[in-house]
Amino acid sequence: MKKYITILLVCFGLFSGIAQRGGGKEKIKKLKIAYFTENLNFTEKEAQQFWPVYNVYDDKNHELRQSLNKIKRDVKSNSNMSETEAASILDRIQSIEKQVYENTRDLANKLRKFLPATKIIRLKKAEHEFNRKLMKQFRNKHKKN
């Protein structure tokens, strides 16, 4: 119980630190590792197999999200686009979204080789909860400023 409380306090302290200092991908990655480790109860063997696979997945998803964000920024700055330009942008968005889906599907398929399905489902839940808490910290910090 003390271990659980300590890890939670460390995580929330780190969330606050990220929000205060602007954060970065590496800090978020460290928080995610701590959060997943606490919530998924990996065995040592599972953890050794999980993290390399998950890190490849996460890095690719990060790149894809950056590509989507770039497209969205470009769309905002070009409010007078033609129908042809809009169709091209829509095709690019759909292509990236398809890649995100395929990356997620590939992760699940790879994880099924060494993790029970229950832990894969808990991973999806932990990802969602982690992102929600991170965004909440971010919003709270920016409300104060």
C-alpha atoms as a PDB file:
ATOM      1  CA  MET A   1       0.000   0.000   0.000  1.00  0.00           C
ATOM      2  CA  LYS A   2       2.831   2.413   0.853  1.00  0.00           C
ATOM      3  CA  LYS A   3       4.486   1.578  -2.469  1.00  0.00           C
ATOM      4  CA  TYR A   4       1.259   2.395  -4.338  1.00  0.00           C
ATOM      5  CA  ILE A   5       0.810   5.729  -2.564  1.00  0.00           C
ATOM      6  CA  THR A   6       4.464   6.655  -3.118  1.00  0.00           C
ATOM      7  CA  ILE A   7       4.274   5.917  -6.836  1.00  0.00           C
ATOM      8  CA  LEU A   8       1.052   7.898  -7.183  1.00  0.00           C
ATOM      9  CA  LEU A   9       2.564  10.876  -5.380  1.00  0.00           C
ATOM     10  CA  VAL A  10       5.652  10.714  -7.569  1.00  0.00           C
ATOM     11  CA  CYS A  11       3.515  10.515 -10.712  1.00  0.00           C
ATOM     12  CA  PHE A  12       1.357  13.478  -9.747  1.00  0.00           C
ATOM     13  CA  GLY A  13       4.432  15.440  -8.730  1.00  0.00           C
ATOM     14  CA  LEU A  14       6.007  14.695 -12.088  1.00  0.00           C
ATOM     15  CA  PHE A  15       2.773  15.621 -13.888  1.00  0.00           C
ATOM     16  CA  SER A  16       2.915  18.973 -12.125  1.00  0.00           C
ATOM     17  CA  GLY A  17       6.575  19.379 -13.019  1.00  0.00           C
ATOM     18  CA  ILE A  18       5.880  18.714 -16.672  1.00  0.00           C
ATOM     19  CA  ALA A  19       3.039  21.192 -16.704  1.00  0.00           C
ATOM     20  CA  GLN A  20       5.191  23.833 -15.010  1.00  0.00           C
ATOM     21  CA  ARG A  21       8.297  23.429 -17.156  1.00  0.00           C
ATOM     22  CA  GLY A  22       6.656  22.701 -20.479  1.00  0.00           C
ATOM     23  CA  GLY A  23       7.643  19.035 -20.349  1.00  0.00           C
ATOM     24  CA  GLY A  24       8.859  16.995 -23.217  1.00  0.00           C
ATOM     25  CA  LYS A  25       8.505  13.646 -24.821  1.00  0.00           C
ATOM     26  CA  GLU A  26      11.146  11.999 -22.636  1.00  0.00           C
ATOM     27  CA  LYS A  27       9.591  13.194 -19.376  1.00  0.00           C
ATOM     28  CA  ILE A  28       6.188  11.986 -20.488  1.00  0.00           C
ATOM     29  CA  LYS A  29       7.706   8.659 -21.500  1.00  0.00           C
ATOM     30  CA  LYS A  30       9.194   8.233 -17.997  1.00  0.00           C
ATOM     31  CA  LEU A  31       5.835   9.018 -16.435  1.00  0.00           C
ATOM     32  CA  LYS A  32       4.130   6.550 -18.724  1.00  0.00           C
ATOM     33  CA  ILE A  33       6.612   3.830 -17.786  1.00  0.00           C
ATOM     34  CA  ALA A  34       5.959   4.413 -14.091  1.00  0.00           C
ATOM     35  CA  TYR A  35       2.196   4.542 -14.583  1.00  0.00           C
ATOM     36  CA  PHE A  36       2.050   1.379 -16.706  1.00  0.00           C
ATOM     37  CA  THR A  37       4.411  -0.494 -14.423  1.00  0.00           C
ATOM     38  CA  GLU A  38       2.191   0.280 -11.456  1.00  0.00           C
ATOM     39  CA  ASN A  39      -1.095  -0.489 -13.207  1.00  0.00           C
ATOM     40  CA  LEU A  40      -0.229  -3.497 -15.346  1.00  0.00           C
ATOM     41  CA  ASN A  41       1.759  -5.592 -12.843  1.00  0.00           C
ATOM     42  CA  PHE A  42       4.120  -7.060 -15.421  1.00  0.00           C
ATOM     43  CA  THR A  43       6.349  -9.931 -14.488  1.00  0.00           C
ATOM     44  CA  GLU A  44      10.016  -9.243 -15.128  1.00  0.00           C
ATOM     45  CA  LYS A  45       9.913 -11.362 -18.291  1.00  0.00           C
ATOM     46  CA  GLU A  46       6.763  -9.634 -19.552  1.00  0.00           C
ATOM     47  CA  ALA A  47       8.283  -6.208 -18.961  1.00  0.00           C
ATOM     48  CA  GLN A  48      11.459  -7.145 -20.839  1.00  0.00           C
ATOM     49  CA  GLN A  49       9.378  -8.213 -23.828  1.00  0.00           C
ATOM     50  CA  PHE A  50       6.767  -5.457 -23.568  1.00  0.00           C
ATOM     51  CA  TRP A  51       8.817  -2.260 -23.510  1.00  0.00           C
ATOM     52  CA  PRO A  52      10.772  -2.673 -26.764  1.00  0.00           C
ATOM     53  CA  VAL A  53       7.556  -3.533 -28.648  1.00  0.00           C
ATOM     54  CA  TYR A  54       5.552  -0.758 -27.006  1.00  0.00           C
ATOM     55  CA  ASN A  55       8.273   1.870 -27.547  1.00  0.00           C
ATOM     56  CA  VAL A  56       8.356   1.185 -31.297  1.00  0.00           C
ATOM     57  CA  TYR A  57       4.552   1.472 -31.388  1.00  0.00           C
ATOM     58  CA  ASP A  58       4.555   4.667 -29.318  1.00  0.00           C
ATOM     59  CA  ASP A  59       7.289   6.331 -31.393  1.00  0.00           C
ATOM     60  CA  LYS A  60       5.441   5.570 -34.619  1.00  0.00           C
ATOM     61  CA  ASN A  61       2.144   6.858 -33.207  1.00  0.00           C
ATOM     62  CA  HIS A  62       3.919  10.016 -32.061  1.00  0.00           C
ATOM     63  CA  GLU A  63       5.219  10.613 -35.587  1.00  0.00           C
ATOM     64  CA  LEU A  64       1.772  10.002 -37.059  1.00  0.00           C
ATOM     65  CA  ARG A  65       0.134  12.421 -34.596  1.00  0.00           C
ATOM     66  CA  GLN A  66       2.721  15.052 -35.491  1.00  0.00           C
ATOM     67  CA  SER A  67       1.888  14.571 -39.170  1.00  0.00           C
ATOM     68  CA  LEU A  68      -1.824  14.994 -38.438  1.00  0.00           C
ATOM     69  CA  ASN A  69      -1.164  18.115 -36.377  1.00  0.00           C
ATOM     70  CA  LYS A  70       0.916  19.599 -39.191  1.00  0.00           C
ATOM     71  CA  ILE A  71      -1.910  19.013 -41.650  1.00  0.00           C
ATOM     72  CA  LYS A  72      -4.379  20.640 -39.244  1.00  0.00           C
ATOM     73  CA  ARG A  73      -2.105  23.680 -38.843  1.00  0.00           C
ATOM     74  CA  ASP A  74      -1.795  23.954 -42.619  1.00  0.00           C
ATOM     75  CA  VAL A  75      -5.579  23.786 -42.994  1.00  0.00           C
ATOM     76  CA  LYS A  76      -6.052  26.555 -40.414  1.00  0.00           C
ATOM     77  CA  SER A  77      -3.670  28.837 -42.274  1.00  0.00           C
ATOM     78  CA  ASN A  78      -5.293  28.153 -45.663  1.00  0.00           C
ATOM     79  CA  SER A  79      -8.969  28.987 -45.289  1.00  0.00           C
ATOM     80  CA  ASN A  80      -9.495  29.569 -49.042  1.00  0.00           C
ATOM     81  CA  MET A  81      -8.558  26.153 -50.392  1.00  0.00           C
ATOM     82  CA  SER A  82     -10.029  24.675 -53.513  1.00  0.00           C
ATOM     83  CA  GLU A  83     -12.115  21.526 -53.596  1.00  0.00           C
ATOM     84  CA  THR A  84      -9.142  19.669 -55.115  1.00  0.00           C
ATOM     85  CA  GLU A  85      -6.833  20.792 -52.307  1.00  0.00           C
ATOM     86  CA  ALA A  86      -9.435  19.847 -49.694  1.00  0.00           C
ATOM     87  CA  ALA A  87      -9.884  16.393 -51.247  1.00  0.00           C
ATOM     88  CA  SER A  88      -6.114  15.867 -51.233  1.00  0.00           C
ATOM     89  CA  ILE A  89      -5.842  16.901 -47.589  1.00  0.00           C
ATOM     90  CA  LEU A  90      -8.750  14.624 -46.658  1.00  0.00           C
ATOM     91  CA  ASP A  91      -7.023  11.713 -48.409  1.00  0.00           C
ATOM     92  CA  ARG A  92      -3.816  12.398 -46.439  1.00  0.00           C
ATOM     93  CA  ILE A  93      -5.745  12.565 -43.153  1.00  0.00           C
ATOM     94  CA  GLN A  94      -7.515   9.282 -43.869  1.00  0.00           C
ATOM     95  CA  SER A  95      -4.218   7.638 -44.821  1.00  0.00           C
ATOM     96  CA  ILE A  96      -2.608   8.691 -41.541  1.00  0.00           C
ATOM     97  CA  GLU A  97      -5.636   7.595 -39.526  1.00  0.00           C
ATOM     98  CA  LYS A  98      -5.460   4.210 -41.243  1.00  0.00           C
ATOM     99  CA  GLN A  99      -1.781   3.932 -40.313  1.00  0.00           C
ATOM    100  CA  VAL A 100      -2.620   4.732 -36.672  1.00  0.00           C
ATOM    101  CA  TYR A 101      -5.251   1.984 -36.689  1.00  0.00           C
ATOM    102  CA  GLU A 102      -2.856  -0.512 -38.299  1.00  0.00           C
ATOM    103  CA  ASN A 103      -0.117   0.388 -35.825  1.00  0.00           C
ATOM    104  CA  THR A 104      -2.504  -0.225 -32.917  1.00  0.00           C
ATOM    105  CA  ARG A 105      -3.686  -3.516 -34.415  1.00  0.00           C
ATOM    106  CA  ASP A 106      -0.072  -4.617 -34.970  1.00  0.00           C
ATOM    107  CA  LEU A 107       0.771  -3.802 -31.356  1.00  0.00           C
ATOM    108  CA  ALA A 108      -2.063  -5.991 -30.074  1.00  0.00           C
ATOM    109  CA  ASN A 109      -1.013  -8.844 -32.359  1.00  0.00           C
ATOM    110  CA  LYS A 110       2.607  -8.640 -31.193  1.00  0.00           C
ATOM    111  CA  LEU A 111       1.635  -8.408 -27.519  1.00  0.00           C
ATOM    112  CA  ARG A 112      -0.655 -11.435 -27.755  1.00  0.00           C
ATOM    113  CA  LYS A 113       2.419 -13.579 -28.335  1.00  0.00           C
ATOM    114  CA  PHE A 114       3.624 -13.059 -24.759  1.00  0.00           C
ATOM    115  CA  LEU A 115       0.910 -11.243 -22.757  1.00  0.00           C
ATOM    116  CA  PRO A 116      -2.500 -12.494 -21.687  1.00  0.00           C
ATOM    117  CA  ALA A 117      -5.454 -10.735 -23.314  1.00  0.00           C
ATOM    118  CA  THR A 118      -6.513  -9.334 -19.935  1.00  0.00           C
ATOM    119  CA  LYS A 119      -3.256  -7.363 -19.650  1.00  0.00           C
ATOM    120  CA  ILE A 120      -3.614  -6.049 -23.191  1.00  0.00           C
ATOM    121  CA  ILE A 121      -7.086  -4.768 -22.339  1.00  0.00           C
ATOM    122  CA  ARG A 122      -5.728  -3.251 -19.115  1.00  0.00           C
ATOM    123  CA  LEU A 123      -3.013  -1.593 -21.218  1.00  0.00           C
ATOM    124  CA  LYS A 124      -5.655   0.112 -23.366  1.00  0.00           C
ATOM    125  CA  LYS A 125      -7.400   1.322 -20.227  1.00  0.00           C
ATOM    126  CA  ALA A 126      -4.115   2.495 -18.675  1.00  0.00           C
ATOM    127  CA  GLU A 127      -3.222   4.416 -21.859  1.00  0.00           C
ATOM    128  CA  HIS A 128      -6.578   6.165 -21.792  1.00  0.00           C
ATOM    129  CA  GLU A 129      -6.347   7.001 -18.085  1.00  0.00           C
ATOM    130  CA  PHE A 130      -2.747   8.209 -18.402  1.00  0.00           C
ATOM    131  CA  ASN A 131      -3.602  10.521 -21.294  1.00  0.00           C
ATOM    132  CA  ARG A 132      -6.655  11.832 -19.471  1.00  0.00           C
ATOM    133  CA  LYS A 133      -4.640  12.630 -16.335  1.00  0.00           C
ATOM    134  CA  LEU A 134      -1.881  14.250 -18.354  1.00  0.00           C
ATOM    135  CA  MET A 135      -4.363  16.464 -20.206  1.00  0.00           C
ATOM    136  CA  LYS A 136      -6.111  17.367 -16.961  1.00  0.00           C
ATOM    137  CA  GLN A 137      -2.788  18.494 -15.463  1.00  0.00           C
ATOM    138  CA  PHE A 138      -2.039  20.482 -18.610  1.00  0.00           C
ATOM    139  CA  ARG A 139      -5.448  22.207 -18.560  1.00  0.00           C
ATOM    140  CA  ASN A 140      -5.217  22.983 -14.849  1.00  0.00           C
ATOM    141  CA  LYS A 141      -1.816  24.567 -15.292  1.00  0.00           C
ATOM    142  CA  HIS A 142      -2.976  26.753 -18.179  1.00  0.00           C
ATOM    143  CA  LYS A 143      -6.116  27.877 -16.321  1.00  0.00           C
ATOM    144  CA  LYS A 144      -3.880  29.328 -13.609  1.00  0.00           C
ATOM    145  CA  ASN A 145      -1.843  31.368 -16.116  1.00  0.00           C
END
